[in-house]
Protein backbone atom coordinates (compact mmCIF):
# COMPACT_ATOMS: atom_id res chain seq x y z
CA MET A 1 -18.27 4.77 -4.86
CA LYS A 2 -15.97 6.77 -2.62
CA ALA A 3 -16.81 7.08 1.03
CA THR A 4 -17.81 10.26 2.83
CA ILE A 5 -17.96 10.76 6.58
CA PRO A 6 -21.80 11.10 6.63
CA TYR A 7 -22.09 7.87 4.61
CA ILE A 8 -19.73 5.96 6.93
CA GLU A 9 -21.52 7.26 10.03
CA LYS A 10 -24.87 6.18 8.57
CA LYS A 11 -23.55 2.69 7.75
CA PHE A 12 -21.82 2.42 11.13
CA ASP A 13 -25.15 3.08 12.90
CA GLU A 14 -26.99 0.68 10.57
CA PHE A 15 -24.53 -2.20 11.04
CA ASN A 16 -24.21 -1.49 14.75
CA ARG A 17 -27.95 -2.08 15.16
CA LEU A 18 -28.19 -4.96 12.70
CA ILE A 19 -25.01 -6.93 13.48
CA PHE A 20 -23.54 -5.74 16.78
CA GLU A 21 -26.77 -5.32 18.80
CA GLY A 22 -26.17 -1.59 19.20
CA LYS A 23 -23.28 -2.21 21.61
CA LEU A 24 -20.64 -0.07 19.85
CA PRO A 25 -20.39 3.62 20.78
CA ARG A 26 -19.78 6.02 17.91
CA ILE A 27 -16.10 6.72 17.25
CA PRO A 28 -14.37 9.40 15.16
CA ILE A 29 -14.36 8.69 11.42
CA GLU A 30 -11.32 9.61 9.34
CA LEU A 31 -10.89 9.55 5.57
CA SER A 32 -7.55 8.44 4.19
CA ASN A 33 -5.75 8.72 0.87
CA ALA A 34 -3.23 6.02 1.79
CA LYS A 35 -2.01 3.43 -0.71
CA THR A 36 -1.66 0.58 1.77
CA PHE A 37 -5.12 -0.18 3.16
CA LEU A 38 -8.85 0.08 2.51
CA GLY A 39 -9.83 0.40 6.15
CA GLN A 40 -8.28 0.53 9.60
CA CYS A 41 -9.49 0.48 13.16
CA VAL A 42 -6.78 2.35 15.03
CA TYR A 43 -6.40 2.92 18.76
CA LYS A 44 -3.96 3.82 21.49
CA LYS A 45 -2.72 1.44 24.15
CA ARG A 46 -1.81 2.02 27.77
CA ARG A 47 -0.87 -0.34 30.57
CA ARG A 48 -2.60 -0.12 33.94
CA PRO A 49 -0.54 -0.94 37.06
CA PHE A 50 -0.55 -4.70 37.56
CA GLY A 51 -3.08 -5.09 34.79
CA LYS A 52 -3.41 -5.93 31.14
CA PRO A 53 -2.88 -3.29 28.44
CA GLU A 54 -5.96 -1.14 27.86
CA LEU A 55 -7.04 0.01 24.40
CA TYR A 56 -8.61 3.45 24.02
CA ASP A 57 -9.17 6.34 21.62
CA PHE A 58 -10.58 4.13 18.85
CA ARG A 59 -10.88 5.61 15.38
CA LEU A 60 -12.17 4.27 12.09
CA ARG A 61 -10.22 5.09 8.94
CA ILE A 62 -11.64 4.41 5.49
CA ASN A 63 -9.73 4.85 2.25
CA THR A 64 -11.14 7.25 -0.33
CA ARG A 65 -8.40 6.72 -2.91
CA ILE A 66 -10.19 3.73 -4.48
CA ASP A 67 -13.63 3.86 -6.09
CA LEU A 68 -15.20 0.70 -4.61
CA PRO A 69 -18.50 -1.04 -5.33
CA GLU A 70 -20.87 -0.13 -2.49
CA GLN A 71 -21.08 -3.68 -1.14
CA GLU A 72 -17.29 -3.89 -0.92
CA LEU A 73 -17.18 -0.54 0.88
CA GLU A 74 -19.82 -1.81 3.32
CA ASP A 75 -17.82 -5.01 3.89
CA THR A 76 -14.74 -2.90 4.63
CA ILE A 77 -16.65 -0.91 7.26
CA ILE A 78 -18.01 -4.10 8.88
CA HIS A 79 -14.55 -5.68 8.86
CA GLU A 80 -13.14 -2.77 10.84
CA MET A 81 -16.14 -2.77 13.17
CA ILE A 82 -15.28 -6.36 14.12
CA HIS A 83 -11.81 -5.16 15.15
CA TYR A 84 -13.46 -2.36 17.13
CA TYR A 85 -15.89 -4.77 18.80
CA ILE A 86 -13.09 -7.09 19.91
CA GLY A 87 -10.91 -4.25 21.18
CA TYR A 88 -13.67 -2.23 22.86
CA ASN A 89 -15.01 -5.28 24.71
CA LYS A 90 -11.50 -6.33 25.80
CA LEU A 91 -11.85 -9.73 24.15
CA GLU A 92 -8.71 -11.77 23.61
CA ASP A 93 -7.68 -13.14 20.25
CA ALA A 94 -4.49 -14.88 19.15
CA SER A 95 -3.70 -12.27 16.50
CA SER A 96 -5.27 -9.45 14.52
CA HIS A 97 -7.21 -11.97 12.43
CA GLY A 98 -7.17 -14.80 14.94
CA PRO A 99 -9.80 -17.45 15.72
CA LEU A 100 -12.20 -15.01 17.38
CA PHE A 101 -12.09 -12.58 14.48
CA LEU A 102 -12.57 -15.40 11.97
CA GLN A 103 -15.49 -16.82 13.98
CA MET A 104 -17.25 -13.45 13.99
CA MET A 105 -16.45 -12.76 10.34
CA ASN A 106 -17.71 -16.15 9.12
CA GLY A 107 -20.83 -15.86 11.28
CA ILE A 108 -21.66 -12.45 9.79
CA ASN A 109 -21.10 -13.77 6.26
CA ARG A 110 -23.49 -16.67 6.84
CA LYS A 111 -26.19 -14.74 8.70
CA PHE A 112 -26.21 -11.53 6.67
CA GLY A 113 -25.01 -12.71 3.26
CA ARG A 114 -21.85 -10.63 3.36
CA ASN A 115 -18.49 -11.32 1.67
CA LEU A 116 -16.07 -10.29 4.40
CA SER A 117 -12.52 -11.56 4.06
CA VAL A 118 -9.29 -11.28 6.03
CA SER A 119 -7.36 -9.69 3.19
CA HIS A 120 -8.47 -7.60 0.26
CA LYS A 121 -7.16 -8.53 -3.18
CA SER A 122 -7.35 -5.48 -5.39
CA THR A 123 -8.49 -5.69 -8.97
CA LYS A 124 -6.25 -4.30 -11.69
CA GLU A 125 -8.37 -1.13 -11.81
CA GLN A 126 -8.17 -0.66 -8.03
CA THR A 127 -4.40 -1.20 -8.06
CA GLU A 128 -4.07 1.52 -10.67
CA GLN A 129 -6.09 3.88 -8.46
CA LEU A 130 -3.67 3.26 -5.58
CA GLN A 131 -0.70 4.39 -7.63
CA ASP A 132 0.70 7.87 -7.31
CA THR A 133 -0.29 9.76 -10.47
CA ARG A 134 1.73 12.89 -9.73
CA SER A 135 4.71 13.66 -11.91
CA HIS A 136 8.06 13.19 -10.16
CA TYR A 137 11.56 13.10 -11.59
CA HIS A 138 13.27 9.77 -11.04
CA VAL A 139 16.70 8.41 -11.81
CA ILE A 140 16.14 5.14 -13.68
CA ALA A 141 18.88 2.53 -13.94
CA VAL A 142 18.37 0.19 -16.91
CA LEU A 143 20.24 -3.05 -16.32
CA LYS A 144 21.21 -5.40 -19.14
CA PHE A 145 22.10 -8.96 -18.14
CA ARG A 146 24.49 -11.22 -19.97
CA ASP A 147 21.73 -13.79 -20.48
CA GLY A 148 19.61 -11.25 -22.40
CA ARG A 149 17.28 -10.17 -19.59
CA THR A 150 16.67 -6.52 -18.82
CA GLY A 151 15.35 -4.71 -15.80
CA ILE A 152 15.10 -1.36 -14.06
CA LYS A 153 15.78 0.16 -10.66
CA VAL A 154 14.39 3.51 -9.51
CA LEU A 155 17.12 5.34 -7.60
CA PRO A 156 17.13 8.33 -5.25
CA ARG A 157 18.22 11.61 -6.82
CA VAL A 158 21.33 11.59 -4.64
CA LEU A 159 24.73 11.26 -6.29
CA ARG A 160 26.20 9.01 -3.60
CA SER A 161 23.24 6.63 -3.76
CA ILE A 162 23.32 6.48 -7.55
CA LEU A 163 27.05 5.76 -7.64
CA HIS A 164 26.71 3.18 -4.86
CA TYR A 165 24.10 1.24 -6.82
CA TYR A 166 25.82 1.69 -10.18
CA ASN A 167 29.22 0.46 -9.01
CA ASN A 168 27.90 -2.42 -6.91
CA ALA A 169 25.50 -3.69 -9.57
CA LEU A 170 28.06 -3.34 -12.36
CA SER A 171 30.55 -5.41 -10.36
CA LEU A 172 28.21 -8.41 -10.46
CA PRO A 173 29.22 -11.01 -13.06
CA ASP A 174 25.67 -11.29 -14.44
CA ILE A 175 25.45 -7.58 -15.38
CA ALA A 176 26.64 -6.59 -18.85
CA ALA A 177 25.78 -2.88 -18.74
CA ILE A 178 23.87 -0.20 -16.86
CA ASP A 179 22.36 2.90 -18.45
CA LEU A 180 21.03 5.82 -16.42
CA TYR A 181 18.12 8.10 -17.30
CA MET A 182 16.24 10.98 -15.71
CA SER A 183 12.48 10.61 -16.27
CA ASN A 184 9.27 12.13 -14.92
CA ASN A 185 7.03 9.42 -16.40
CA VAL A 186 4.41 8.46 -13.77
CA PHE A 187 4.86 4.83 -14.91
CA PHE A 188 7.89 4.63 -12.64
CA ASN A 189 5.97 5.80 -9.54
CA ARG A 190 4.86 2.21 -8.94
CA TYR A 191 8.41 1.05 -8.18
CA PRO A 192 10.16 1.56 -4.80
CA ASN A 193 12.77 4.32 -4.71
CA SER A 194 15.96 3.15 -2.99
CA SER A 195 19.59 2.23 -3.59
CA ALA A 196 19.07 -1.38 -2.47
CA LEU A 197 20.71 -3.86 -4.82
CA LYS A 198 17.50 -5.04 -6.50
CA VAL A 199 16.03 -5.05 -9.99
CA HIS A 200 12.54 -5.23 -11.50
CA PHE A 201 12.62 -7.32 -14.67
CA LEU A 202 10.87 -5.85 -17.71
CA GLU A 203 11.12 -6.33 -21.46
CA LEU A 204 13.56 -3.89 -23.06
CA GLY A 205 10.86 -2.68 -25.47
CA THR A 206 8.58 -1.79 -22.55
CA ILE A 207 11.40 0.01 -20.75
CA MET A 208 12.43 2.11 -23.74
CA GLU A 209 8.80 2.94 -24.55
CA GLN A 210 8.38 4.35 -21.03
CA LEU A 211 11.67 6.23 -21.31
CA LYS A 212 10.70 8.18 -24.42
CA GLY A 213 11.73 11.77 -23.89
CA ALA A 214 13.88 10.89 -20.85
CA GLU A 215 17.27 12.50 -20.32
CA ARG A 216 20.22 10.14 -20.75
CA MET A 217 22.95 10.35 -18.09
CA GLU A 218 26.56 9.26 -18.47
CA CYS A 219 28.36 7.66 -15.53
CA ASP A 220 32.01 6.68 -15.18
CA GLY A 221 31.62 5.23 -11.69
CA LYS A 222 32.89 8.41 -10.02
CA SER A 223 30.70 11.14 -11.45
CA ILE A 224 27.57 11.61 -13.51
CA LYS A 225 27.15 13.81 -16.53
CA ARG A 226 23.68 14.81 -17.68
CA ASN A 227 23.11 14.94 -21.46
CA ALA A 228 20.33 16.59 -23.38
């Protein structure tokens, strides 16, 4: 299921009474479409004169990009409520998921039969939901290595960046050839877009299957010519 604000508020009140003894004031709930987290307890920090930093303006963010089983969604809400409890009550912990957090998390798991964890490992289906499914044009560098391996690099659509990567990668002794393509296949959205000298290894058959219909580009190291 995907969270809604009324659902999160209802669960917040329920878990506040059941687990946190009703000691947590309501905080603003925000829905997020981010690809990097399932839930967050966010806040601002200020330093009082001659005192320790003070946390305030707490907010609870829950991701709606992934369709989660209800129990996993509930566990995500409780996980972030632990962070809120520690911060609101000015309790000290060694780190974000330090000994105090772990003690509370493990206690809740035992007492209430939950499955809270420090980190969330997404299933294959959830990972696919996190990916950007919008169509964008990318410049794809297909690298062929002298040992038979092949890989790709998604490059910015900026001539200087493309030439920088092309020339630097081609100067490496392990690289036999580099081919450039322009593609709007959403398959390539999962790969970082940069001119950093990196490569993602894939089988050549997989690469060419994903590049069906892509526009081939010719590069001489100084300029790029687009071909139909």
